[in-house]
């Protein structure tokens, strides 16, 4: 059976990858504290309703 042209096998050291991920997780927990912290957050629309005073328009703006 012939192998398709362009397909290459990758040599991966899974132990090294796991160690790097674990180290990154530990460093992140040291920096941000225990628990889950999202690295990216979805964009919030300006139209999203919020009750906080700092987000409300002032009376002067109308």
N, C-alpha and C. Protein backbone atom coordinates (compact mmCIF):
# COMPACT_ATOMS: atom_id res chain seq x y z
N UNK A 1 0.84 -1.18 0.00
CA UNK A 1 0.00 0.00 0.00
C UNK A 1 0.89 1.25 0.00
N UNK A 2 0.62 2.16 -0.88
CA UNK A 2 1.44 3.36 -1.00
C UNK A 2 0.89 4.47 -0.11
N UNK A 3 1.81 5.24 0.41
CA UNK A 3 1.44 6.39 1.21
C UNK A 3 1.27 7.59 0.29
N UNK A 4 0.26 8.44 0.59
CA UNK A 4 0.03 9.61 -0.24
C UNK A 4 1.20 10.56 -0.14
N UNK A 5 1.50 11.21 -1.23
CA UNK A 5 2.59 12.18 -1.27
C UNK A 5 2.24 13.38 -0.40
N UNK A 6 3.19 13.89 0.34
CA UNK A 6 2.96 15.07 1.16
C UNK A 6 2.61 14.75 2.60
N UNK A 7 2.22 13.52 2.91
CA UNK A 7 1.92 13.14 4.29
C UNK A 7 3.23 12.81 4.99
N UNK A 8 3.49 13.50 6.09
CA UNK A 8 4.69 13.23 6.85
C UNK A 8 4.30 12.89 8.27
N UNK A 9 5.02 11.98 8.85
CA UNK A 9 4.75 11.61 10.23
C UNK A 9 5.55 12.53 11.14
N UNK A 10 4.91 12.97 12.21
CA UNK A 10 5.56 13.86 13.15
C UNK A 10 6.02 13.06 14.35
N UNK A 11 7.20 13.35 14.82
CA UNK A 11 7.71 12.74 16.03
C UNK A 11 7.41 13.70 17.16
N UNK A 12 6.57 13.26 18.11
CA UNK A 12 6.12 14.14 19.17
C UNK A 12 6.49 13.51 20.52
N UNK A 13 7.07 14.32 21.36
CA UNK A 13 7.39 13.88 22.71
C UNK A 13 6.26 14.38 23.62
N UNK A 14 5.27 13.52 23.88
CA UNK A 14 4.10 13.91 24.63
C UNK A 14 4.45 14.27 26.07
N UNK A 15 5.46 13.63 26.64
CA UNK A 15 5.84 13.93 28.02
C UNK A 15 6.32 15.38 28.14
N UNK A 16 7.07 15.85 27.17
CA UNK A 16 7.56 17.23 27.19
C UNK A 16 6.40 18.21 27.05
N UNK A 17 5.45 17.90 26.18
CA UNK A 17 4.30 18.77 25.98
C UNK A 17 3.46 18.84 27.24
N UNK A 18 3.21 17.69 27.87
CA UNK A 18 2.44 17.67 29.12
C UNK A 18 3.14 18.45 30.22
N UNK A 19 4.45 18.32 30.31
CA UNK A 19 5.21 19.05 31.33
C UNK A 19 5.13 20.55 31.11
N UNK A 20 5.20 20.99 29.86
CA UNK A 20 5.10 22.42 29.55
C UNK A 20 3.71 22.95 29.90
N UNK A 21 2.67 22.19 29.59
CA UNK A 21 1.30 22.62 29.89
C UNK A 21 1.10 22.71 31.41
N UNK A 22 1.61 21.71 32.12
CA UNK A 22 1.46 21.70 33.57
C UNK A 22 2.18 22.89 34.20
N UNK A 23 3.40 23.16 33.71
CA UNK A 23 4.14 24.30 34.21
C UNK A 23 3.44 25.61 33.95
N UNK A 24 2.83 25.73 32.77
CA UNK A 24 2.10 26.95 32.42
C UNK A 24 0.89 27.12 33.32
N UNK A 25 0.17 26.03 33.59
CA UNK A 25 -0.99 26.09 34.48
C UNK A 25 -0.59 26.53 35.88
N UNK A 26 0.50 25.95 36.39
CA UNK A 26 0.96 26.30 37.73
C UNK A 26 1.39 27.77 37.80
N UNK A 27 2.07 28.26 36.77
CA UNK A 27 2.50 29.65 36.74
C UNK A 27 1.29 30.58 36.69
N UNK A 28 0.27 30.20 35.93
CA UNK A 28 -0.93 31.01 35.83
C UNK A 28 -1.66 31.07 37.18
N UNK A 29 -1.71 29.93 37.89
CA UNK A 29 -2.36 29.92 39.19
C UNK A 29 -1.59 30.74 40.21
N UNK A 30 -0.26 30.74 40.12
CA UNK A 30 0.53 31.58 41.02
C UNK A 30 0.24 33.06 40.76
N UNK A 31 0.08 33.41 39.51
CA UNK A 31 -0.14 34.80 39.13
C UNK A 31 -1.57 35.26 39.43
N UNK A 32 -2.56 34.46 39.07
CA UNK A 32 -3.96 34.88 39.15
C UNK A 32 -4.73 34.29 40.33
N UNK A 33 -4.17 33.30 41.00
CA UNK A 33 -4.86 32.66 42.09
C UNK A 33 -5.51 31.37 41.64
N UNK A 34 -6.00 30.57 42.58
CA UNK A 34 -6.59 29.27 42.23
C UNK A 34 -7.90 29.43 41.48
N UNK A 35 -8.27 28.41 40.76
CA UNK A 35 -9.53 28.41 40.02
C UNK A 35 -9.34 28.67 38.55
N UNK A 36 -10.45 28.73 37.83
CA UNK A 36 -10.43 28.92 36.39
C UNK A 36 -10.40 30.40 36.05
N UNK A 37 -9.55 30.76 35.10
CA UNK A 37 -9.49 32.13 34.59
C UNK A 37 -9.45 32.06 33.07
N UNK A 38 -10.43 32.66 32.42
CA UNK A 38 -10.49 32.65 30.97
C UNK A 38 -9.37 33.49 30.39
N UNK A 39 -8.74 33.00 29.33
CA UNK A 39 -7.67 33.76 28.70
C UNK A 39 -8.24 34.75 27.70
N UNK A 40 -9.36 34.43 27.10
CA UNK A 40 -10.02 35.35 26.18
C UNK A 40 -11.48 35.48 26.60
N UNK A 41 -12.04 36.63 26.38
CA UNK A 41 -13.43 36.87 26.74
C UNK A 41 -14.19 37.33 25.51
N UNK A 42 -15.47 36.99 25.42
CA UNK A 42 -16.25 37.45 24.27
C UNK A 42 -16.46 38.95 24.33
N UNK A 43 -16.62 39.55 23.18
CA UNK A 43 -16.85 40.99 23.08
C UNK A 43 -18.26 41.31 23.56
N UNK A 44 -18.36 42.27 24.47
CA UNK A 44 -19.67 42.71 24.93
C UNK A 44 -20.14 43.89 24.11
N UNK A 45 -21.35 43.84 23.68
CA UNK A 45 -21.92 44.91 22.89
C UNK A 45 -22.18 46.14 23.76
N UNK A 46 -22.15 47.33 23.14
CA UNK A 46 -22.49 48.55 23.86
C UNK A 46 -23.95 48.51 24.31
N UNK A 47 -24.76 47.79 23.58
CA UNK A 47 -26.19 47.74 23.86
C UNK A 47 -26.53 46.80 25.00
N UNK A 48 -25.57 46.06 25.52
CA UNK A 48 -25.83 45.13 26.61
C UNK A 48 -26.29 45.92 27.84
N UNK A 49 -27.41 45.52 28.40
CA UNK A 49 -27.99 46.23 29.52
C UNK A 49 -27.20 45.96 30.79
N UNK A 50 -26.93 47.01 31.55
CA UNK A 50 -26.29 46.87 32.85
C UNK A 50 -26.85 47.91 33.79
N UNK A 51 -26.96 47.57 35.08
CA UNK A 51 -27.52 48.49 36.06
C UNK A 51 -26.46 49.35 36.73
N UNK A 52 -25.21 49.07 36.48
CA UNK A 52 -24.15 49.79 37.17
C UNK A 52 -24.14 51.26 36.76
N UNK A 53 -23.94 52.13 37.75
CA UNK A 53 -23.99 53.57 37.53
C UNK A 53 -22.90 54.03 36.57
N UNK A 54 -21.74 53.41 36.63
CA UNK A 54 -20.66 53.86 35.76
C UNK A 54 -20.94 53.59 34.28
N UNK A 55 -21.89 52.74 33.98
CA UNK A 55 -22.22 52.43 32.59
C UNK A 55 -23.43 53.23 32.08
N UNK A 56 -24.16 53.85 33.00
CA UNK A 56 -25.34 54.61 32.60
C UNK A 56 -24.95 55.97 32.06
N UNK A 57 -25.73 56.49 31.16
CA UNK A 57 -25.50 57.83 30.65
C UNK A 57 -25.86 58.84 31.73
N UNK A 58 -25.11 59.92 31.79
CA UNK A 58 -25.40 60.95 32.78
C UNK A 58 -26.60 61.78 32.28
N UNK A 59 -27.20 62.53 33.18
CA UNK A 59 -28.37 63.34 32.86
C UNK A 59 -27.99 64.45 31.86
N UNK A 60 -26.77 64.95 31.91
CA UNK A 60 -26.36 66.04 31.06
C UNK A 60 -26.30 65.62 29.59
N UNK A 61 -25.99 64.36 29.34
CA UNK A 61 -25.86 63.89 27.96
C UNK A 61 -27.22 63.78 27.30
N UNK A 62 -28.24 63.46 28.08
CA UNK A 62 -29.59 63.40 27.58
C UNK A 62 -29.87 62.15 26.90
